[in-house]
């Protein structure tokens, strides 16, 4: 969490600088600071995603070998890492693929979606749950 918090605060600072907006007064890594940072980034999400070339230097995979990721890839990488830490990675689903009808949807951690091994159709986690619910009746 310490690494994620540091990266989150760095993203907040970089975005504020690039958008010429006031940055938060440095206040350590308290819960209040994390909460304010997340709230601020969510509030500015459209502007953040529209920034050309925004990259996040991240140690999500290996603290000794940080990589640069775009903001979406960075968020998905952290989501996947945190899910693995609590053993919550989806894996596969019994849902039928809307593209070919087969039960071949496998979770792709880097993409954050299910992909059909047969036809490469993409299905979000929410869509997969809806498909299973519809079939179960």
N, C-alpha and C. Protein backbone atom coordinates (compact mmCIF):
# COMPACT_ATOMS: atom_id res chain seq x y z
N UNK A 1 0.82 -1.20 0.00
CA UNK A 1 0.00 0.00 0.00
C UNK A 1 0.86 1.26 0.00
N UNK A 2 2.04 1.15 0.63
CA UNK A 2 2.94 2.29 0.66
C UNK A 2 3.36 2.69 -0.76
N UNK A 3 3.68 1.69 -1.58
CA UNK A 3 4.10 1.95 -2.96
C UNK A 3 2.95 2.54 -3.76
N UNK A 4 1.77 1.95 -3.65
CA UNK A 4 0.60 2.46 -4.36
C UNK A 4 0.29 3.89 -3.95
N UNK A 5 0.34 4.18 -2.67
CA UNK A 5 0.07 5.53 -2.19
C UNK A 5 1.07 6.53 -2.78
N UNK A 6 2.34 6.16 -2.78
CA UNK A 6 3.37 7.04 -3.35
C UNK A 6 3.11 7.32 -4.81
N UNK A 7 2.74 6.28 -5.56
CA UNK A 7 2.45 6.46 -6.98
C UNK A 7 1.20 7.31 -7.19
N UNK A 8 0.20 7.10 -6.37
CA UNK A 8 -1.03 7.87 -6.46
C UNK A 8 -0.77 9.35 -6.22
N UNK A 9 0.02 9.66 -5.22
CA UNK A 9 0.36 11.06 -4.93
C UNK A 9 1.20 11.67 -6.05
N UNK A 10 2.08 10.87 -6.65
CA UNK A 10 2.90 11.36 -7.77
C UNK A 10 2.02 11.66 -8.98
N UNK A 11 1.04 10.80 -9.24
CA UNK A 11 0.11 11.03 -10.35
C UNK A 11 -0.66 12.31 -10.10
N UNK A 12 -1.15 12.47 -8.89
CA UNK A 12 -1.91 13.68 -8.53
C UNK A 12 -1.08 14.93 -8.77
N UNK A 13 0.18 14.90 -8.35
CA UNK A 13 1.07 16.05 -8.53
C UNK A 13 1.32 16.32 -10.01
N UNK A 14 1.61 15.27 -10.78
CA UNK A 14 1.89 15.42 -12.21
C UNK A 14 0.68 15.97 -12.95
N UNK A 15 -0.50 15.45 -12.66
CA UNK A 15 -1.72 15.91 -13.31
C UNK A 15 -1.98 17.38 -12.97
N UNK A 16 -1.85 17.74 -11.71
CA UNK A 16 -2.08 19.13 -11.30
C UNK A 16 -1.11 20.06 -12.02
N UNK A 17 0.13 19.64 -12.14
CA UNK A 17 1.14 20.45 -12.83
C UNK A 17 0.80 20.60 -14.32
N UNK A 18 0.44 19.52 -14.97
CA UNK A 18 0.15 19.55 -16.40
C UNK A 18 -1.13 20.30 -16.72
N UNK A 19 -2.10 20.28 -15.81
CA UNK A 19 -3.34 21.01 -16.03
C UNK A 19 -3.29 22.43 -15.45
N UNK A 20 -2.15 22.79 -14.90
CA UNK A 20 -1.96 24.11 -14.27
C UNK A 20 -3.01 24.37 -13.20
N UNK A 21 -3.24 23.36 -12.36
CA UNK A 21 -4.18 23.46 -11.25
C UNK A 21 -3.41 23.43 -9.94
N UNK A 22 -4.03 23.94 -8.91
CA UNK A 22 -3.38 23.93 -7.60
C UNK A 22 -3.24 22.49 -7.11
N UNK A 23 -2.07 22.19 -6.57
CA UNK A 23 -1.83 20.86 -6.02
C UNK A 23 -2.13 20.89 -4.53
N UNK A 24 -2.34 19.73 -3.96
CA UNK A 24 -2.55 19.65 -2.52
C UNK A 24 -1.29 20.03 -1.78
N UNK A 25 -1.45 20.62 -0.64
CA UNK A 25 -0.31 20.90 0.22
C UNK A 25 0.24 19.57 0.69
N UNK A 26 1.55 19.34 0.56
CA UNK A 26 2.09 18.04 0.99
C UNK A 26 1.68 17.75 2.43
N UNK A 27 1.16 16.54 2.64
CA UNK A 27 0.68 16.19 3.96
C UNK A 27 0.95 14.75 4.32
N UNK A 28 2.01 14.21 3.77
CA UNK A 28 2.33 12.83 4.08
C UNK A 28 1.42 11.86 3.35
N UNK A 29 1.26 10.70 3.95
CA UNK A 29 0.49 9.64 3.30
C UNK A 29 -0.67 9.20 4.18
N UNK A 30 -1.26 10.14 4.86
CA UNK A 30 -2.36 9.82 5.76
C UNK A 30 -3.58 9.35 4.98
N UNK A 31 -4.52 8.77 5.70
CA UNK A 31 -5.77 8.34 5.09
C UNK A 31 -6.53 9.51 4.49
N UNK A 32 -6.46 10.65 5.15
CA UNK A 32 -7.13 11.85 4.65
C UNK A 32 -6.50 12.27 3.32
N UNK A 33 -5.17 12.27 3.25
CA UNK A 33 -4.48 12.65 2.02
C UNK A 33 -4.82 11.68 0.88
N UNK A 34 -4.83 10.39 1.18
CA UNK A 34 -5.18 9.40 0.15
C UNK A 34 -6.61 9.64 -0.34
N UNK A 35 -7.52 9.84 0.59
CA UNK A 35 -8.92 10.06 0.24
C UNK A 35 -9.08 11.31 -0.61
N UNK A 36 -8.45 12.39 -0.24
CA UNK A 36 -8.53 13.63 -1.02
C UNK A 36 -7.92 13.45 -2.40
N UNK A 37 -6.82 12.72 -2.48
CA UNK A 37 -6.16 12.49 -3.75
C UNK A 37 -7.05 11.70 -4.69
N UNK A 38 -7.64 10.61 -4.19
CA UNK A 38 -8.52 9.79 -5.01
C UNK A 38 -9.73 10.60 -5.46
N UNK A 39 -10.32 11.34 -4.54
CA UNK A 39 -11.49 12.15 -4.87
C UNK A 39 -11.15 13.17 -5.94
N UNK A 40 -10.01 13.82 -5.81
CA UNK A 40 -9.58 14.83 -6.77
C UNK A 40 -9.37 14.20 -8.14
N UNK A 41 -8.69 13.06 -8.19
CA UNK A 41 -8.43 12.40 -9.47
C UNK A 41 -9.73 11.93 -10.13
N UNK A 42 -10.65 11.41 -9.35
CA UNK A 42 -11.94 10.98 -9.91
C UNK A 42 -12.70 12.19 -10.45
N UNK A 43 -12.66 13.29 -9.73
CA UNK A 43 -13.33 14.51 -10.16
C UNK A 43 -12.75 15.02 -11.48
N UNK A 44 -11.46 14.85 -11.68
CA UNK A 44 -10.77 15.34 -12.89
C UNK A 44 -10.54 14.23 -13.92
N UNK A 45 -11.22 13.09 -13.78
CA UNK A 45 -10.92 11.92 -14.60
C UNK A 45 -10.97 12.20 -16.10
N UNK A 46 -11.97 12.93 -16.57
CA UNK A 46 -12.05 13.25 -18.00
C UNK A 46 -10.80 13.99 -18.46
N UNK A 47 -10.36 14.95 -17.68
CA UNK A 47 -9.17 15.72 -18.03
C UNK A 47 -7.91 14.86 -17.95
N UNK A 48 -7.85 13.99 -16.95
CA UNK A 48 -6.69 13.11 -16.79
C UNK A 48 -6.57 12.20 -18.00
N UNK A 49 -7.66 11.58 -18.41
CA UNK A 49 -7.63 10.65 -19.54
C UNK A 49 -7.35 11.36 -20.86
N UNK A 50 -7.64 12.64 -20.93
CA UNK A 50 -7.40 13.40 -22.17
C UNK A 50 -5.97 13.91 -22.28
N UNK A 51 -5.19 13.80 -21.21
CA UNK A 51 -3.81 14.29 -21.26
C UNK A 51 -2.97 13.41 -22.18
N UNK A 52 -2.35 14.02 -23.17
CA UNK A 52 -1.48 13.28 -24.08
C UNK A 52 -0.17 12.94 -23.38
N UNK A 53 0.22 11.70 -23.52
CA UNK A 53 1.53 11.27 -23.02
C UNK A 53 1.66 11.14 -21.52
N UNK A 54 0.55 11.16 -20.79
CA UNK A 54 0.65 10.98 -19.34
C UNK A 54 1.10 9.55 -19.04
N UNK A 55 2.20 9.44 -18.34
CA UNK A 55 2.74 8.13 -17.99
C UNK A 55 2.98 8.10 -16.48
N UNK A 56 2.82 6.92 -15.91
CA UNK A 56 3.03 6.72 -14.49
C UNK A 56 4.20 5.77 -14.31
N UNK A 57 5.22 6.22 -13.60
CA UNK A 57 6.35 5.33 -13.29
C UNK A 57 5.91 4.46 -12.12
N UNK A 58 5.82 3.15 -12.38
CA UNK A 58 5.20 2.26 -11.41
C UNK A 58 6.06 1.05 -11.08
N UNK A 59 6.00 0.67 -9.82
CA UNK A 59 6.66 -0.55 -9.34
C UNK A 59 5.62 -1.62 -9.06
N UNK A 60 4.50 -1.58 -9.78
CA UNK A 60 3.42 -2.52 -9.54
C UNK A 60 3.85 -3.96 -9.74
N UNK A 61 4.73 -4.20 -10.68
CA UNK A 61 5.17 -5.57 -10.94
C UNK A 61 6.41 -5.96 -10.17
N UNK A 62 7.37 -5.04 -10.06
CA UNK A 62 8.65 -5.33 -9.43
C UNK A 62 9.24 -4.02 -8.92
N UNK A 63 9.42 -3.92 -7.63
CA UNK A 63 9.95 -2.69 -7.02
C UNK A 63 11.34 -2.35 -7.52
N UNK A 64 12.10 -3.36 -7.93
CA UNK A 64 13.46 -3.13 -8.41
C UNK A 64 13.51 -2.72 -9.88
N UNK A 65 12.42 -2.94 -10.60
CA UNK A 65 12.38 -2.61 -12.02
C UNK A 65 11.08 -1.90 -12.37
N UNK A 66 10.96 -0.62 -12.00
CA UNK A 66 9.73 0.11 -12.31
C UNK A 66 9.56 0.28 -13.83
N UNK A 67 8.31 0.38 -14.24
CA UNK A 67 7.97 0.56 -15.65
C UNK A 67 7.08 1.79 -15.79
N UNK A 68 6.99 2.30 -17.00
CA UNK A 68 6.09 3.42 -17.26
C UNK A 68 4.83 2.88 -17.92
N UNK A 69 3.69 3.25 -17.36
CA UNK A 69 2.39 2.80 -17.85
C UNK A 69 1.49 4.00 -18.06
N UNK A 70 0.58 3.89 -19.01
CA UNK A 70 -0.46 4.91 -19.15
C UNK A 70 -1.39 4.82 -17.96
N UNK A 71 -2.20 5.84 -17.71
CA UNK A 71 -3.05 5.84 -16.51
C UNK A 71 -4.04 4.68 -16.44
N UNK A 72 -4.61 4.27 -17.57
CA UNK A 72 -5.56 3.16 -17.56
C UNK A 72 -4.84 1.85 -17.27
N UNK A 73 -3.72 1.61 -17.96
CA UNK A 73 -2.95 0.39 -17.73
C UNK A 73 -2.45 0.33 -16.30
N UNK A 74 -2.05 1.48 -15.76
CA UNK A 74 -1.57 1.56 -14.38
C UNK A 74 -2.68 1.15 -13.40
N UNK A 75 -3.87 1.72 -13.59
CA UNK A 75 -4.99 1.40 -12.70
C UNK A 75 -5.36 -0.08 -12.79
N UNK A 76 -5.39 -0.63 -14.00
CA UNK A 76 -5.72 -2.04 -14.17
C UNK A 76 -4.64 -2.95 -13.57
N UNK A 77 -3.38 -2.56 -13.71
CA UNK A 77 -2.29 -3.36 -13.14
C UNK A 77 -2.39 -3.40 -11.62
N UNK A 78 -2.68 -2.25 -11.00
CA UNK A 78 -2.82 -2.24 -9.54
C UNK A 78 -4.06 -3.01 -9.10
N UNK A 79 -5.15 -2.88 -9.86
CA UNK A 79 -6.35 -3.64 -9.51
C UNK A 79 -6.05 -5.14 -9.52
N UNK A 80 -5.37 -5.57 -10.57
CA UNK A 80 -5.03 -6.99 -10.69
C UNK A 80 -4.12 -7.44 -9.56
N UNK A 81 -3.11 -6.63 -9.23
CA UNK A 81 -2.19 -7.00 -8.15
C UNK A 81 -2.92 -7.10 -6.82
N UNK A 82 -3.77 -6.14 -6.53
CA UNK A 82 -4.51 -6.16 -5.27
C UNK A 82 -5.48 -7.34 -5.22
N UNK A 83 -6.10 -7.67 -6.34
CA UNK A 83 -6.99 -8.83 -6.39
C UNK A 83 -6.21 -10.12 -6.10
N UNK A 84 -5.01 -10.23 -6.71
CA UNK A 84 -4.19 -11.43 -6.47
C UNK A 84 -3.79 -11.54 -5.01
N UNK A 85 -3.53 -10.39 -4.37
CA UNK A 85 -3.13 -10.41 -2.96
C UNK A 85 -4.22 -10.99 -2.07
N UNK A 86 -5.47 -10.78 -2.46
CA UNK A 86 -6.58 -11.31 -1.66
C UNK A 86 -7.24 -12.50 -2.35
N UNK A 87 -6.55 -13.05 -3.36
CA UNK A 87 -7.02 -14.22 -4.09
C UNK A 87 -8.41 -13.99 -4.65
N UNK A 88 -8.60 -12.86 -5.33
CA UNK A 88 -9.90 -12.49 -5.86
C UNK A 88 -9.87 -12.34 -7.39
N UNK A 89 -8.86 -12.89 -8.04
CA UNK A 89 -8.77 -12.82 -9.50
C UNK A 89 -9.86 -13.73 -10.08
N UNK A 90 -10.69 -13.24 -11.00
CA UNK A 90 -11.81 -14.04 -11.49
C UNK A 90 -11.44 -15.37 -12.14
N UNK A 91 -10.42 -15.44 -12.98
CA UNK A 91 -10.04 -16.69 -13.64
C UNK A 91 -10.88 -16.95 -14.87
N UNK A 92 -11.98 -17.68 -14.71
CA UNK A 92 -12.88 -17.94 -15.83
C UNK A 92 -14.31 -17.80 -15.33
N UNK A 93 -15.24 -17.89 -16.26
CA UNK A 93 -16.65 -17.76 -15.92
C UNK A 93 -17.44 -18.83 -16.67
N UNK A 94 -18.54 -19.29 -16.11
CA UNK A 94 -19.37 -20.24 -16.84
C UNK A 94 -20.25 -19.58 -17.90
N UNK A 95 -20.16 -18.26 -18.03
CA UNK A 95 -20.99 -17.54 -19.00
C UNK A 95 -20.68 -17.99 -20.43
N UNK A 96 -21.71 -18.00 -21.26
CA UNK A 96 -21.52 -18.29 -22.68
C UNK A 96 -21.05 -17.01 -23.38
N UNK A 97 -20.14 -17.18 -24.31
CA UNK A 97 -19.64 -16.05 -25.09
C UNK A 97 -20.77 -15.53 -25.99
N UNK A 98 -21.06 -14.23 -25.95
CA UNK A 98 -22.09 -13.67 -26.83
C UNK A 98 -21.72 -13.77 -28.30
N UNK A 99 -20.43 -13.91 -28.59
CA UNK A 99 -19.99 -13.99 -29.97
C UNK A 99 -20.18 -15.35 -30.61
N UNK A 100 -19.80 -16.42 -29.88
CA UNK A 100 -19.85 -17.76 -30.47
C UNK A 100 -20.69 -18.76 -29.67
N UNK A 101 -21.11 -18.38 -28.46
CA UNK A 101 -21.96 -19.24 -27.66
C UNK A 101 -21.22 -20.31 -26.85
N UNK A 102 -19.90 -20.35 -26.96
CA UNK A 102 -19.14 -21.36 -26.22
C UNK A 102 -18.79 -20.84 -24.83
N UNK A 103 -18.47 -21.72 -23.93
CA UNK A 103 -18.08 -21.35 -22.57
C UNK A 103 -16.55 -21.30 -22.49
N UNK A 104 -15.98 -20.35 -23.19
CA UNK A 104 -14.52 -20.24 -23.28
C UNK A 104 -14.01 -18.88 -22.83
N UNK A 105 -14.77 -18.18 -21.98
CA UNK A 105 -14.35 -16.85 -21.52
C UNK A 105 -13.32 -16.99 -20.40
N UNK A 106 -12.12 -16.47 -20.64
CA UNK A 106 -11.02 -16.53 -19.67
C UNK A 106 -10.63 -15.10 -19.28
N UNK A 107 -10.34 -14.91 -18.01
CA UNK A 107 -9.96 -13.60 -17.48
C UNK A 107 -8.58 -13.21 -17.97
N UNK A 108 -8.46 -11.98 -18.49
CA UNK A 108 -7.18 -11.42 -18.93
C UNK A 108 -6.80 -10.31 -17.95
N UNK A 109 -5.90 -10.61 -17.00
CA UNK A 109 -5.58 -9.65 -15.95
C UNK A 109 -5.11 -8.29 -16.45
N UNK A 110 -4.25 -8.25 -17.45
CA UNK A 110 -3.73 -6.96 -17.91
C UNK A 110 -4.82 -6.11 -18.57
N UNK A 111 -5.80 -6.78 -19.19
CA UNK A 111 -6.87 -6.05 -19.85
C UNK A 111 -8.03 -5.76 -18.89
N UNK A 112 -8.17 -6.58 -17.86
CA UNK A 112 -9.27 -6.40 -16.91
C UNK A 112 -10.62 -6.82 -17.47
N UNK A 113 -10.61 -7.77 -18.41
CA UNK A 113 -11.83 -8.26 -19.04
C UNK A 113 -11.70 -9.75 -19.31
N UNK A 114 -12.83 -10.38 -19.67
CA UNK A 114 -12.82 -11.75 -20.15
C UNK A 114 -12.64 -11.72 -21.66
N UNK A 115 -11.90 -12.68 -22.18
CA UNK A 115 -11.72 -12.82 -23.62
C UNK A 115 -12.03 -14.26 -23.99
N UNK A 116 -12.82 -14.44 -25.03
CA UNK A 116 -13.18 -15.78 -25.47
C UNK A 116 -11.98 -16.43 -26.16
N UNK A 117 -11.63 -17.62 -25.70
CA UNK A 117 -10.50 -18.34 -26.29
C UNK A 117 -10.83 -18.83 -27.69
N UNK A 118 -12.10 -18.90 -28.03
CA UNK A 118 -12.52 -19.40 -29.34
C UNK A 118 -12.59 -18.28 -30.39
N UNK A 119 -13.24 -17.15 -30.05
CA UNK A 119 -13.48 -16.11 -31.07
C UNK A 119 -12.91 -14.74 -30.70
N UNK A 120 -12.22 -14.63 -29.57
CA UNK A 120 -11.61 -13.37 -29.11
C UNK A 120 -12.61 -12.27 -28.76
N UNK A 121 -13.86 -12.63 -28.53
CA UNK A 121 -14.87 -11.65 -28.11
C UNK A 121 -14.52 -11.16 -26.70
N UNK A 122 -14.69 -9.87 -26.41
CA UNK A 122 -14.38 -9.28 -25.10
C UNK A 122 -15.66 -9.08 -24.30
N UNK A 123 -15.61 -9.42 -23.01
CA UNK A 123 -16.76 -9.29 -22.13
C UNK A 123 -16.27 -8.76 -20.78
N UNK A 124 -16.91 -7.71 -20.29
CA UNK A 124 -16.53 -7.17 -18.98
C UNK A 124 -16.98 -8.12 -17.87
N UNK A 125 -16.47 -7.91 -16.68
CA UNK A 125 -16.86 -8.74 -15.54
C UNK A 125 -18.35 -8.60 -15.25
N UNK A 126 -18.86 -7.37 -15.33
CA UNK A 126 -20.29 -7.14 -15.07
C UNK A 126 -21.15 -7.82 -16.13
N UNK A 127 -20.72 -7.74 -17.41
CA UNK A 127 -21.47 -8.41 -18.48
C UNK A 127 -21.49 -9.92 -18.28
N UNK A 128 -20.35 -10.48 -17.88
CA UNK A 128 -20.27 -11.93 -17.64
C UNK A 128 -21.23 -12.34 -16.53
N UNK A 129 -21.30 -11.55 -15.46
CA UNK A 129 -22.22 -11.86 -14.36
C UNK A 129 -23.67 -11.78 -14.85
N UNK A 130 -23.98 -10.78 -15.69
CA UNK A 130 -25.33 -10.65 -16.24
C UNK A 130 -25.69 -11.84 -17.13
N UNK A 131 -24.72 -12.28 -17.95
CA UNK A 131 -24.95 -13.44 -18.82
C UNK A 131 -25.26 -14.70 -18.01
N UNK A 132 -24.51 -14.93 -16.94
CA UNK A 132 -24.75 -16.08 -16.09
C UNK A 132 -26.13 -15.98 -15.43
N UNK A 133 -26.47 -14.79 -14.95
CA UNK A 133 -27.77 -14.58 -14.32
C UNK A 133 -28.92 -14.79 -15.29
N UNK A 134 -28.79 -14.31 -16.52
CA UNK A 134 -29.83 -14.50 -17.53
C UNK A 134 -30.03 -15.98 -17.83
N UNK A 135 -28.92 -16.70 -17.97
CA UNK A 135 -29.02 -18.12 -18.31
C UNK A 135 -29.61 -18.93 -17.16
N UNK A 136 -29.27 -18.52 -15.93
CA UNK A 136 -29.80 -19.23 -14.77
C UNK A 136 -31.29 -18.98 -14.59
N UNK A 137 -31.75 -17.87 -15.17
CA UNK A 137 -33.18 -17.58 -15.13
C UNK A 137 -33.54 -16.86 -13.90
